[in-house]
Amino acid sequence: MKHIFVINSHAGKKNFATELRRQLSQIPDFDYYVFNTRKAGEEAELVRQIRQIFDDEKLRFYCCGGSGTFRNMLNGFERFDDMEIAFYPCGITNDFMKIFGKDMPAFTDIRSLIEGEAVKIDYLKSNNGVMLNTLSFGVDSKTVDIINRVNYLQIVNENLPYNVGVIFSMLGSDTGEYIIEHDNGVYHGKCTEVVFGNGIVYGGNLHFVEQVNVKDGIGCLRVLFPKRGFGRLKMMLNAIHSNFAKLDAISEVSMTKKVCIRRADGAEIAVNQDGEIVRGVREWTVEIVPNALPFVIPKGVMLHE
């Protein structure tokens, strides 16, 4: 098996790629290749090209980046039955990895990761791409969108784009009515935030479910009722501090396999797929694909179900 490392050059510390290459060079009889991305979003095409080069060989890919990098890589595969994928988290959020709790640091131990075994877990498939952790829209998607638009402010301060994104998304107002169909019913009305996923955290530190089983074929849908200004801020703080009693009081929660989302007026909905904004879609269908993604667990780490 060949080991393929794809490094997001914009994630992690500046010397990360150099240090990783140094560590890999010290592993005897290790068959590997390292690829650096040149710009954001090209991971999918890079994966397709690599698959063509090594067409007849079993490959293990290592995503060295954040949640968005992993999502982009997943969208480069036509199928997952003849490969494995590992996550070396060095991005800003690395949301899905939060399910491993205190074992999360093991994923940045490169030897433990290389010696790990692949376990098939669930992933999310939509009518416009796949993802590992969540599909969401509302306050968080507006925040990400604003951050991307003002990213040049990093010249002044690296945290400034994030702070600007949070402030403007807090001041915004809810617009439009949504029709959200799921296995257990239908929600029809306005909302501040909608998230459906297979993890426990999104947006870096926003908890939307208390616990999860990534092998049961079921995800959590949380629809948060309309809030403005200070109400939005309290909602976000409750999510940050895992105050599920207060979150449940201002939201509708359902454990479901499939969700269909559209606006009542038929307008487009821009959603956040694991940190990447996807536009131009009027109706979203997303479902959990059970036990289908060969995900590498580091040596010594258990995947709790």
Foldseek 3Di string as FASTA:
>chain_A
DEEEEEAECPFADNCVVVVVVVVVVPDPPHHYDYHYDPDPLCLLVVLLVVCVVPVPDEYEYEYHEAQSSVQSNQQNDPAAPRYAYEYQYGHQANPQLCQQPPCSVLSNVVVLLVPFFWFFFKWKDKPPGTGRWKKKDALLLQLLVQLVVVVVCVVVPNCVSNVVSNVVSQADFWDFWKWKDFPVGIDTGTFRMKMKTQGQDAPRQFGDDDHHARAPLKIKIKTFHGDHHVRVVVLRVCRNVVVVVVSVVGIDMDIGFKMKMATPVQDWGWIARSSDTDTDHGMMIMGMDHRGHGYTDGPPGDRDD
